[in-house]
């Protein structure tokens, strides 16, 4: 039998899981995938325009990933995704996670 504190923590964890699965179903699926030890997301995925509720949501997402035994990596720079299409045409961006590199 769980003591009062353990029961309260179990209730909070269950609520967190329910919220993330409802609001962030794709993120929840990524965290539950057995072949993915690390979940990578761009930092603009949450609160790109500094919305208060989004700060809470990223915290819930990170805790959910931890419950699922996943590491979370945040990539990118602030508001980078909002500038797509505004960059000078001479700039070259390479995604090193998917592009082979020869030395």
PDB file of N, CA and C in Angstrom:
ATOM      1  N   UNK A   1       0.844  -1.184   0.000  1.00  0.00           N
ATOM      2  CA  UNK A   1       0.000   0.000   0.000  1.00  0.00           C
ATOM      3  C   UNK A   1       0.889   1.247   0.000  1.00  0.00           C
ATOM      4  N   UNK A   2       0.516   2.232  -0.803  1.00  0.00           N
ATOM      5  CA  UNK A   2       1.266   3.472  -0.888  1.00  0.00           C
ATOM      6  C   UNK A   2       0.939   4.368   0.295  1.00  0.00           C
ATOM      7  N   UNK A   3       1.995   5.029   0.852  1.00  0.00           N
ATOM      8  CA  UNK A   3       1.689   6.007   1.893  1.00  0.00           C
ATOM      9  C   UNK A   3       1.142   7.270   1.227  1.00  0.00           C
ATOM     10  N   UNK A   4       0.706   8.247   2.009  1.00  0.00           N
ATOM     11  CA  UNK A   4       0.060   9.447   1.480  1.00  0.00           C
ATOM     12  C   UNK A   4       0.907  10.190   0.464  1.00  0.00           C
ATOM     13  N   UNK A   5       2.185  10.361   0.760  1.00  0.00           N
ATOM     14  CA  UNK A   5       3.067  11.091  -0.145  1.00  0.00           C
ATOM     15  C   UNK A   5       3.261  10.322  -1.453  1.00  0.00           C
ATOM     16  N   UNK A   6       3.452   9.015  -1.370  1.00  0.00           N
ATOM     17  CA  UNK A   6       3.630   8.200  -2.570  1.00  0.00           C
ATOM     18  C   UNK A   6       2.354   8.197  -3.421  1.00  0.00           C
ATOM     19  N   UNK A   7       1.222   8.141  -2.790  1.00  0.00           N
ATOM     20  CA  UNK A   7      -0.047   8.166  -3.518  1.00  0.00           C
ATOM     21  C   UNK A   7      -0.232   9.502  -4.231  1.00  0.00           C
ATOM     22  N   UNK A   8       0.148  10.581  -3.577  1.00  0.00           N
ATOM     23  CA  UNK A   8       0.040  11.910  -4.190  1.00  0.00           C
ATOM     24  C   UNK A   8       0.991  12.024  -5.381  1.00  0.00           C
ATOM     25  N   UNK A   9       2.216  11.525  -5.233  1.00  0.00           N
ATOM     26  CA  UNK A   9       3.166  11.551  -6.352  1.00  0.00           C
ATOM     27  C   UNK A   9       2.669  10.700  -7.518  1.00  0.00           C
ATOM     28  N   UNK A  10       2.100   9.549  -7.238  1.00  0.00           N
ATOM     29  CA  UNK A  10       1.558   8.684  -8.292  1.00  0.00           C
ATOM     30  C   UNK A  10       0.406   9.376  -9.011  1.00  0.00           C
ATOM     31  N   UNK A  11      -0.425  10.096  -8.274  1.00  0.00           N
ATOM     32  CA  UNK A  11      -1.538  10.839  -8.877  1.00  0.00           C
ATOM     33  C   UNK A  11      -1.014  11.952  -9.773  1.00  0.00           C
ATOM     34  N   UNK A  12      -0.008  12.684  -9.295  1.00  0.00           N
ATOM     35  CA  UNK A  12       0.574  13.772 -10.082  1.00  0.00           C
ATOM     36  C   UNK A  12       1.219  13.240 -11.358  1.00  0.00           C
ATOM     37  N   UNK A  13       1.930  12.111 -11.241  1.00  0.00           N
ATOM     38  CA  UNK A  13       2.568  11.517 -12.417  1.00  0.00           C
ATOM     39  C   UNK A  13       1.516  11.067 -13.432  1.00  0.00           C
ATOM     40  N   UNK A  14       0.450  10.452 -12.959  1.00  0.00           N
ATOM     41  CA  UNK A  14      -0.624  10.014 -13.854  1.00  0.00           C
ATOM     42  C   UNK A  14      -1.263  11.208 -14.557  1.00  0.00           C
ATOM     43  N   UNK A  15      -1.447  12.318 -13.835  1.00  0.00           N
ATOM     44  CA  UNK A  15      -2.001  13.529 -14.446  1.00  0.00           C
ATOM     45  C   UNK A  15      -1.056  14.091 -15.501  1.00  0.00           C
ATOM     46  N   UNK A  16       0.233  14.121 -15.192  1.00  0.00           N
ATOM     47  CA  UNK A  16       1.227  14.608 -16.143  1.00  0.00           C
ATOM     48  C   UNK A  16       1.195  13.777 -17.420  1.00  0.00           C
ATOM     49  N   UNK A  17       1.173  12.469 -17.274  1.00  0.00           N
ATOM     50  CA  UNK A  17       1.140  11.567 -18.434  1.00  0.00           C
ATOM     51  C   UNK A  17      -0.112  11.823 -19.263  1.00  0.00           C
ATOM     52  N   UNK A  18      -1.252  11.962 -18.621  1.00  0.00           N
ATOM     53  CA  UNK A  18      -2.504  12.202 -19.339  1.00  0.00           C
ATOM     54  C   UNK A  18      -2.463  13.518 -20.113  1.00  0.00           C
ATOM     55  N   UNK A  19      -1.923  14.566 -19.514  1.00  0.00           N
ATOM     56  CA  UNK A  19      -1.845  15.869 -20.175  1.00  0.00           C
ATOM     57  C   UNK A  19      -0.941  15.804 -21.393  1.00  0.00           C
ATOM     58  N   UNK A  20       0.250  15.230 -21.240  1.00  0.00           N
ATOM     59  CA  UNK A  20       1.194  15.157 -22.356  1.00  0.00           C
ATOM     60  C   UNK A  20       0.624  14.298 -23.480  1.00  0.00           C
ATOM     61  N   UNK A  21       0.029  13.165 -23.139  1.00  0.00           N
ATOM     62  CA  UNK A  21      -0.539  12.304 -24.183  1.00  0.00           C
ATOM     63  C   UNK A  21      -1.683  12.991 -24.919  1.00  0.00           C
ATOM     64  N   UNK A  22      -2.429  13.847 -24.239  1.00  0.00           N
ATOM     65  CA  UNK A  22      -3.538  14.549 -24.885  1.00  0.00           C
ATOM     66  C   UNK A  22      -3.054  15.732 -25.726  1.00  0.00           C
ATOM     67  N   UNK A  23      -2.158  16.549 -25.178  1.00  0.00           N
ATOM     68  CA  UNK A  23      -1.753  17.784 -25.838  1.00  0.00           C
ATOM     69  C   UNK A  23      -0.592  17.572 -26.817  1.00  0.00           C
ATOM     70  N   UNK A  24       0.289  16.627 -26.505  1.00  0.00           N
ATOM     71  CA  UNK A  24       1.483  16.387 -27.332  1.00  0.00           C
ATOM     72  C   UNK A  24       1.571  14.922 -27.765  1.00  0.00           C
ATOM     73  N   UNK A  25       0.589  14.436 -28.515  1.00  0.00           N
ATOM     74  CA  UNK A  25       0.578  13.006 -28.850  1.00  0.00           C
ATOM     75  C   UNK A  25       1.796  12.541 -29.657  1.00  0.00           C
ATOM     76  N   UNK A  26       2.312  13.364 -30.558  1.00  0.00           N
ATOM     77  CA  UNK A  26       3.493  12.977 -31.334  1.00  0.00           C
ATOM     78  C   UNK A  26       4.723  12.871 -30.438  1.00  0.00           C
ATOM     79  N   UNK A  27       4.860  13.809 -29.527  1.00  0.00           N
ATOM     80  CA  UNK A  27       5.972  13.767 -28.577  1.00  0.00           C
ATOM     81  C   UNK A  27       5.861  12.530 -27.694  1.00  0.00           C
ATOM     82  N   UNK A  28       4.655  12.232 -27.229  1.00  0.00           N
ATOM     83  CA  UNK A  28       4.434  11.054 -26.386  1.00  0.00           C
ATOM     84  C   UNK A  28       4.814   9.779 -27.141  1.00  0.00           C
ATOM     85  N   UNK A  29       4.419   9.695 -28.426  1.00  0.00           N
ATOM     86  CA  UNK A  29       4.784   8.522 -29.239  1.00  0.00           C
ATOM     87  C   UNK A  29       6.291   8.404 -29.387  1.00  0.00           C
ATOM     88  N   UNK A  30       6.969   9.522 -29.618  1.00  0.00           N
ATOM     89  CA  UNK A  30       8.432   9.501 -29.745  1.00  0.00           C
ATOM     90  C   UNK A  30       9.075   9.015 -28.452  1.00  0.00           C
ATOM     91  N   UNK A  31       8.539   9.440 -27.334  1.00  0.00           N
ATOM     92  CA  UNK A  31       9.094   9.023 -26.042  1.00  0.00           C
ATOM     93  C   UNK A  31       8.828   7.553 -25.750  1.00  0.00           C
ATOM     94  N   UNK A  32       7.767   7.020 -26.264  1.00  0.00           N
ATOM     95  CA  UNK A  32       7.422   5.614 -26.012  1.00  0.00           C
ATOM     96  C   UNK A  32       8.083   4.660 -27.003  1.00  0.00           C
ATOM     97  N   UNK A  33       8.693   5.190 -28.063  1.00  0.00           N
ATOM     98  CA  UNK A  33       9.350   4.339 -29.064  1.00  0.00           C
ATOM     99  C   UNK A  33      10.524   3.604 -28.418  1.00  0.00           C
ATOM    100  N   UNK A  34      10.582   2.299 -28.622  1.00  0.00           N
ATOM    101  CA  UNK A  34      11.621   1.481 -27.993  1.00  0.00           C
ATOM    102  C   UNK A  34      12.987   1.656 -28.646  1.00  0.00           C
ATOM    103  N   UNK A  35      13.016   2.093 -29.893  1.00  0.00           N
ATOM    104  CA  UNK A  35      14.279   2.204 -30.618  1.00  0.00           C
ATOM    105  C   UNK A  35      14.863   3.613 -30.578  1.00  0.00           C
ATOM    106  N   UNK A  36      14.342   4.494 -29.729  1.00  0.00           N
ATOM    107  CA  UNK A  36      14.791   5.876 -29.659  1.00  0.00           C
ATOM    108  C   UNK A  36      15.221   6.223 -28.240  1.00  0.00           C
ATOM    109  N   UNK A  37      16.540   6.221 -27.962  1.00  0.00           N
ATOM    110  CA  UNK A  37      16.987   6.555 -26.608  1.00  0.00           C
ATOM    111  C   UNK A  37      16.989   8.054 -26.320  1.00  0.00           C
ATOM    112  N   UNK A  38      17.006   8.874 -27.391  1.00  0.00           N
ATOM    113  CA  UNK A  38      17.077  10.322 -27.237  1.00  0.00           C
ATOM    114  C   UNK A  38      15.966  10.966 -28.067  1.00  0.00           C
ATOM    115  N   UNK A  39      15.254  11.900 -27.471  1.00  0.00           N
ATOM    116  CA  UNK A  39      14.239  12.670 -28.186  1.00  0.00           C
ATOM    117  C   UNK A  39      14.845  14.044 -28.454  1.00  0.00           C
ATOM    118  N   UNK A  40      14.899  14.421 -29.733  1.00  0.00           N
ATOM    119  CA  UNK A  40      15.483  15.699 -30.128  1.00  0.00           C
ATOM    120  C   UNK A  40      14.365  16.634 -30.553  1.00  0.00           C
ATOM    121  N   UNK A  41      14.403  17.853 -30.029  1.00  0.00           N
ATOM    122  CA  UNK A  41      13.417  18.836 -30.462  1.00  0.00           C
ATOM    123  C   UNK A  41      14.087  20.195 -30.593  1.00  0.00           C
ATOM    124  N   UNK A  42      13.567  20.987 -31.500  1.00  0.00           N
ATOM    125  CA  UNK A  42      14.069  22.342 -31.672  1.00  0.00           C
ATOM    126  C   UNK A  42      13.524  23.197 -30.544  1.00  0.00           C
ATOM    127  N   UNK A  43      14.337  24.122 -30.059  1.00  0.00           N
ATOM    128  CA  UNK A  43      13.904  24.933 -28.920  1.00  0.00           C
ATOM    129  C   UNK A  43      12.705  25.804 -29.248  1.00  0.00           C
ATOM    130  N   UNK A  44      12.462  26.075 -30.528  1.00  0.00           N
ATOM    131  CA  UNK A  44      11.269  26.838 -30.912  1.00  0.00           C
ATOM    132  C   UNK A  44       9.991  25.999 -30.861  1.00  0.00           C
ATOM    133  N   UNK A  45      10.111  24.697 -30.611  1.00  0.00           N
ATOM    134  CA  UNK A  45       8.919  23.860 -30.531  1.00  0.00           C
ATOM    135  C   UNK A  45       7.997  24.320 -29.401  1.00  0.00           C
ATOM    136  N   UNK A  46       8.564  25.004 -28.424  1.00  0.00           N
ATOM    137  CA  UNK A  46       7.793  25.522 -27.308  1.00  0.00           C
ATOM    138  C   UNK A  46       8.137  26.990 -27.089  1.00  0.00           C
ATOM    139  N   UNK A  47       7.132  27.801 -26.868  1.00  0.00           N
ATOM    140  CA  UNK A  47       7.281  29.193 -26.439  1.00  0.00           C
ATOM    141  C   UNK A  47       8.145  30.035 -27.366  1.00  0.00           C
ATOM    142  N   UNK A  48       8.017  29.832 -28.673  1.00  0.00           N
ATOM    143  CA  UNK A  48       8.779  30.654 -29.614  1.00  0.00           C
ATOM    144  C   UNK A  48       8.430  32.131 -29.467  1.00  0.00           C
ATOM    145  N   UNK A  49       7.208  32.396 -29.061  1.00  0.00           N
ATOM    146  CA  UNK A  49       6.771  33.784 -28.834  1.00  0.00           C
ATOM    147  C   UNK A  49       6.588  34.081 -27.343  1.00  0.00           C
ATOM    148  N   UNK A  50       7.276  33.307 -26.504  1.00  0.00           N
ATOM    149  CA  UNK A  50       7.315  33.529 -25.054  1.00  0.00           C
ATOM    150  C   UNK A  50       5.958  33.413 -24.368  1.00  0.00           C
ATOM    151  N   UNK A  51       5.158  32.423 -24.781  1.00  0.00           N
ATOM    152  CA  UNK A  51       3.871  32.193 -24.155  1.00  0.00           C
ATOM    153  C   UNK A  51       4.076  31.475 -22.817  1.00  0.00           C
ATOM    154  N   UNK A  52       3.478  32.015 -21.774  1.00  0.00           N
ATOM    155  CA  UNK A  52       3.640  31.462 -20.423  1.00  0.00           C
ATOM    156  C   UNK A  52       3.228  29.985 -20.341  1.00  0.00           C
ATOM    157  N   UNK A  53       2.099  29.617 -20.923  1.00  0.00           N
ATOM    158  CA  UNK A  53       1.630  28.237 -20.853  1.00  0.00           C
ATOM    159  C   UNK A  53       2.613  27.280 -21.532  1.00  0.00           C
ATOM    160  N   UNK A  54       3.305  27.762 -22.567  1.00  0.00           N
ATOM    161  CA  UNK A  54       4.276  26.927 -23.272  1.00  0.00           C
ATOM    162  C   UNK A  54       5.477  26.587 -22.379  1.00  0.00           C
ATOM    163  N   UNK A  55       5.854  27.495 -21.488  1.00  0.00           N
ATOM    164  CA  UNK A  55       6.944  27.202 -20.547  1.00  0.00           C
ATOM    165  C   UNK A  55       6.562  26.014 -19.664  1.00  0.00           C
ATOM    166  N   UNK A  56       5.346  26.012 -19.202  1.00  0.00           N
ATOM    167  CA  UNK A  56       4.852  24.888 -18.388  1.00  0.00           C
ATOM    168  C   UNK A  56       4.844  23.608 -19.208  1.00  0.00           C
ATOM    169  N   UNK A  57       4.413  23.715 -20.457  1.00  0.00           N
ATOM    170  CA  UNK A  57       4.289  22.550 -21.316  1.00  0.00           C
ATOM    171  C   UNK A  57       5.646  21.909 -21.608  1.00  0.00           C
ATOM    172  N   UNK A  58       6.678  22.704 -21.827  1.00  0.00           N
ATOM    173  CA  UNK A  58       7.994  22.110 -22.083  1.00  0.00           C
ATOM    174  C   UNK A  58       8.502  21.386 -20.833  1.00  0.00           C
ATOM    175  N   UNK A  59       8.197  21.927 -19.672  1.00  0.00           N
ATOM    176  CA  UNK A  59       8.563  21.242 -18.436  1.00  0.00           C
ATOM    177  C   UNK A  59       7.860  19.902 -18.305  1.00  0.00           C
ATOM    178  N   UNK A  60       6.568  19.878 -18.630  1.00  0.00           N
ATOM    179  CA  UNK A  60       5.811  18.623 -18.603  1.00  0.00           C
ATOM    180  C   UNK A  60       6.385  17.629 -19.604  1.00  0.00           C
ATOM    181  N   UNK A  61       6.744  18.120 -20.794  1.00  0.00           N
ATOM    182  CA  UNK A  61       7.307  17.243 -21.824  1.00  0.00           C
ATOM    183  C   UNK A  61       8.627  16.620 -21.357  1.00  0.00           C
ATOM    184  N   UNK A  62       9.472  17.428 -20.749  1.00  0.00           N
ATOM    185  CA  UNK A  62      10.763  16.923 -20.273  1.00  0.00           C
ATOM    186  C   UNK A  62      10.556  15.889 -19.165  1.00  0.00           C
ATOM    187  N   UNK A  63       9.657  16.161 -18.238  1.00  0.00           N
ATOM    188  CA  UNK A  63       9.372  15.190 -17.173  1.00  0.00           C
ATOM    189  C   UNK A  63       8.797  13.902 -17.759  1.00  0.00           C
ATOM    190  N   UNK A  64       7.904  14.011 -18.754  1.00  0.00           N
ATOM    191  CA  UNK A  64       7.321  12.840 -19.409  1.00  0.00           C
ATOM    192  C   UNK A  64       8.422  11.995 -20.049  1.00  0.00           C
ATOM    193  N   UNK A  65       9.341  12.648 -20.750  1.00  0.00           N
ATOM    194  CA  UNK A  65      10.450  11.918 -21.378  1.00  0.00           C
ATOM    195  C   UNK A  65      11.253  11.163 -20.317  1.00  0.00           C
ATOM    196  N   UNK A  66      11.494  11.796 -19.195  1.00  0.00           N
ATOM    197  CA  UNK A  66      12.217  11.133 -18.110  1.00  0.00           C
ATOM    198  C   UNK A  66      11.462   9.932 -17.572  1.00  0.00           C
ATOM    199  N   UNK A  67      10.158  10.045 -17.444  1.00  0.00           N
ATOM    200  CA  UNK A  67       9.338   8.920 -16.999  1.00  0.00           C
ATOM    201  C   UNK A  67       9.490   7.752 -17.969  1.00  0.00           C
ATOM    202  N   UNK A  68       9.602   8.086 -19.263  1.00  0.00           N
ATOM    203  CA  UNK A  68       9.753   7.057 -20.304  1.00  0.00           C
ATOM    204  C   UNK A  68      11.197   6.589 -20.451  1.00  0.00           C
ATOM    205  N   UNK A  69      12.098   7.135 -19.653  1.00  0.00           N
ATOM    206  CA  UNK A  69      13.502   6.733 -19.708  1.00  0.00           C
ATOM    207  C   UNK A  69      14.264   7.314 -20.888  1.00  0.00           C
ATOM    208  N   UNK A  70      13.811   8.454 -21.392  1.00  0.00           N
ATOM    209  CA  UNK A  70      14.444   9.080 -22.551  1.00  0.00           C
ATOM    210  C   UNK A  70      15.251  10.301 -22.145  1.00  0.00           C
ATOM    211  N   UNK A  71      16.312  10.539 -22.883  1.00  0.00           N
ATOM    212  CA  UNK A  71      17.085  11.770 -22.775  1.00  0.00           C
ATOM    213  C   UNK A  71      16.467  12.768 -23.741  1.00  0.00           C
ATOM    214  N   UNK A  72      16.447  14.048 -23.375  1.00  0.00           N
ATOM    215  CA  UNK A  72      15.925  15.093 -24.249  1.00  0.00           C
ATOM    216  C   UNK A  72      17.080  15.995 -24.649  1.00  0.00           C
ATOM    217  N   UNK A  73      17.193  16.249 -25.945  1.00  0.00           N
ATOM    218  CA  UNK A  73      18.186  17.200 -26.446  1.00  0.00           C
ATOM    219  C   UNK A  73      17.445  18.332 -27.131  1.00  0.00           C
ATOM    220  N   UNK A  74      17.822  19.536 -26.755  1.00  0.00           N
ATOM    221  CA  UNK A  74      17.239  20.732 -27.341  1.00  0.00           C
ATOM    222  C   UNK A  74      18.256  21.290 -28.332  1.00  0.00           C
ATOM    223  N   UNK A  75      17.816  21.499 -29.565  1.00  0.00           N
ATOM    224  CA  UNK A  75      18.706  22.016 -30.596  1.00  0.00           C
ATOM    225  C   UNK A  75      18.188  23.343 -31.124  1.00  0.00           C
ATOM    226  N   UNK A  76      19.007  24.048 -31.876  1.00  0.00           N
ATOM    227  CA  UNK A  76      18.592  25.272 -32.545  1.00  0.00           C
ATOM    228  C   UNK A  76      18.871  26.505 -31.718  1.00  0.00           C
ATOM    229  N   UNK A  77      18.567  27.636 -32.329  1.00  0.00           N
ATOM    230  CA  UNK A  77      18.731  28.920 -31.659  1.00  0.00           C
ATOM    231  C   UNK A  77      17.376  29.602 -31.531  1.00  0.00           C
ATOM    232  N   UNK A  78      17.311  30.581 -30.655  1.00  0.00           N
ATOM    233  CA  UNK A  78      16.064  31.264 -30.347  1.00  0.00           C
ATOM    234  C   UNK A  78      15.418  31.859 -31.592  1.00  0.00           C
ATOM    235  N   UNK A  79      14.154  31.479 -31.818  1.00  0.00           N
ATOM    236  CA  UNK A  79      13.313  31.975 -32.904  1.00  0.00           C
ATOM    237  C   UNK A  79      13.874  31.655 -34.292  1.00  0.00           C
ATOM    238  N   UNK A  80      14.779  30.692 -34.374  1.00  0.00           N
ATOM    239  CA  UNK A  80      15.387  30.296 -35.636  1.00  0.00           C
ATOM    240  C   UNK A  80      14.350  29.821 -36.644  1.00  0.00           C
ATOM    241  N   UNK A  81      13.393  29.032 -36.203  1.00  0.00           N
ATOM    242  CA  UNK A  81      12.395  28.490 -37.138  1.00  0.00           C
ATOM    243  C   UNK A  81      11.474  29.569 -37.681  1.00  0.00           C
ATOM    244  N   UNK A  82      11.368  30.682 -36.988  1.00  0.00           N
ATOM    245  CA  UNK A  82      10.513  31.763 -37.453  1.00  0.00           C
ATOM    246  C   UNK A  82      11.182  32.577 -38.553  1.00  0.00           C
ATOM    247  N   UNK A  83      12.485  32.387 -38.737  1.00  0.00           N
ATOM    248  CA  UNK A  83      13.234  33.141 -39.737  1.00  0.00           C
ATOM    249  C   UNK A  83      13.410  32.378 -41.041  1.00  0.00           C
ATOM    250  N   UNK A  84      12.885  31.178 -41.133  1.00  0.00           N
ATOM    251  CA  UNK A  84      13.015  30.396 -42.361  1.00  0.00           C
ATOM    252  C   UNK A  84      12.381  31.175 -43.502  1.00  0.00           C
ATOM    253  N   UNK A  85      13.104  31.271 -44.601  1.00  0.00           N
ATOM    254  CA  UNK A  85      12.632  32.022 -45.751  1.00  0.00           C
ATOM    255  C   UNK A  85      13.093  33.471 -45.732  1.00  0.00           C
ATOM    256  N   UNK A  86      13.663  33.920 -44.618  1.00  0.00           N
ATOM    257  CA  UNK A  86      14.139  35.287 -44.500  1.00  0.00           C
ATOM    258  C   UNK A  86      15.658  35.328 -44.635  1.00  0.00           C
ATOM    259  N   UNK A  87      16.305  34.197 -44.557  1.00  0.00           N
ATOM    260  CA  UNK A  87      17.758  34.133 -44.607  1.00  0.00           C
ATOM    261  C   UNK A  87      18.278  34.527 -45.992  1.00  0.00           C
ATOM    262  N   UNK A  88      19.486  35.041 -46.033  1.00  0.00           N
ATOM    263  CA  UNK A  88      20.087  35.352 -47.326  1.00  0.00           C
ATOM    264  C   UNK A  88      20.254  34.074 -48.148  1.00  0.00           C
ATOM    265  N   UNK A  89      20.087  34.140 -49.473  1.00  0.00           N
ATOM    266  CA  UNK A  89      20.157  32.935 -50.295  1.00  0.00           C
ATOM    267  C   UNK A  89      21.538  32.293 -50.332  1.00  0.00           C
ATOM    268  N   UNK A  90      22.595  33.012 -49.920  1.00  0.00           N
ATOM    269  CA  UNK A  90      23.946  32.447 -49.958  1.00  0.00           C
ATOM    270  C   UNK A  90      24.269  31.603 -48.727  1.00  0.00           C
ATOM    271  N   UNK A  91      23.437  31.651 -47.710  1.00  0.00           N
ATOM    272  CA  UNK A  91      23.707  30.893 -46.492  1.00  0.00           C
ATOM    273  C   UNK A  91      23.434  29.415 -46.720  1.00  0.00           C
ATOM    274  N   UNK A  92      24.335  28.574 -46.238  1.00  0.00           N
ATOM    275  CA  UNK A  92      24.193  27.131 -46.378  1.00  0.00           C
ATOM    276  C   UNK A  92      24.008  26.536 -44.994  1.00  0.00           C
ATOM    277  N   UNK A  93      22.959  25.762 -44.817  1.00  0.00           N
ATOM    278  CA  UNK A  93      22.701  25.089 -43.554  1.00  0.00           C
ATOM    279  C   UNK A  93      22.763  23.592 -43.790  1.00  0.00           C
ATOM    280  N   UNK A  94      23.556  22.900 -42.994  1.00  0.00           N
ATOM    281  CA  UNK A  94      23.688  21.454 -43.110  1.00  0.00           C
ATOM    282  C   UNK A  94      23.239  20.822 -41.806  1.00  0.00           C
ATOM    283  N   UNK A  95      22.337  19.875 -41.894  1.00  0.00           N
ATOM    284  CA  UNK A  95      21.905  19.116 -40.722  1.00  0.00           C
ATOM    285  C   UNK A  95      22.905  17.977 -40.547  1.00  0.00           C
ATOM    286  N   UNK A  96      23.801  18.106 -39.579  1.00  0.00           N
ATOM    287  CA  UNK A  96      24.856  17.111 -39.400  1.00  0.00           C
ATOM    288  C   UNK A  96      24.326  15.774 -38.900  1.00  0.00           C
ATOM    289  N   UNK A  97      23.095  15.733 -38.434  1.00  0.00           N
ATOM    290  CA  UNK A  97      22.538  14.466 -37.979  1.00  0.00           C
ATOM    291  C   UNK A  97      22.191  13.577 -39.148  1.00  0.00           C
ATOM    292  N   UNK A  98      21.932  14.157 -40.342  1.00  0.00           N
ATOM    293  CA  UNK A  98      21.501  13.346 -41.457  1.00  0.00           C
ATOM    294  C   UNK A  98      22.430  13.444 -42.662  1.00  0.00           C
ATOM    295  N   UNK A  99      23.360  14.404 -42.670  1.00  0.00           N
ATOM    296  CA  UNK A  99      24.251  14.583 -43.811  1.00  0.00           C
ATOM    297  C   UNK A  99      25.601  13.935 -43.544  1.00  0.00           C
ATOM    298  N   UNK A 100      26.082  13.081 -44.468  1.00  0.00           N
ATOM    299  CA  UNK A 100      27.417  12.522 -44.276  1.00  0.00           C
ATOM    300  C   UNK A 100      28.475  13.600 -44.481  1.00  0.00           C
ATOM    301  N   UNK A 101      29.550  13.496 -43.745  1.00  0.00           N
ATOM    302  CA  UNK A 101      30.626  14.474 -43.835  1.00  0.00           C
ATOM    303  C   UNK A 101      31.902  13.746 -44.201  1.00  0.00           C
ATOM    304  N   UNK A 102      32.601  14.259 -45.210  1.00  0.00           N
ATOM    305  CA  UNK A 102      33.899  13.688 -45.616  1.00  0.00           C
ATOM    306  C   UNK A 102      34.989  14.645 -45.171  1.00  0.00           C
ATOM    307  N   UNK A 103      36.085  14.088 -44.653  1.00  0.00           N
ATOM    308  CA  UNK A 103      37.211  14.911 -44.219  1.00  0.00           C
ATOM    309  C   UNK A 103      38.407  14.614 -45.067  1.00  0.00           C
TER     310      UNK A 103
END
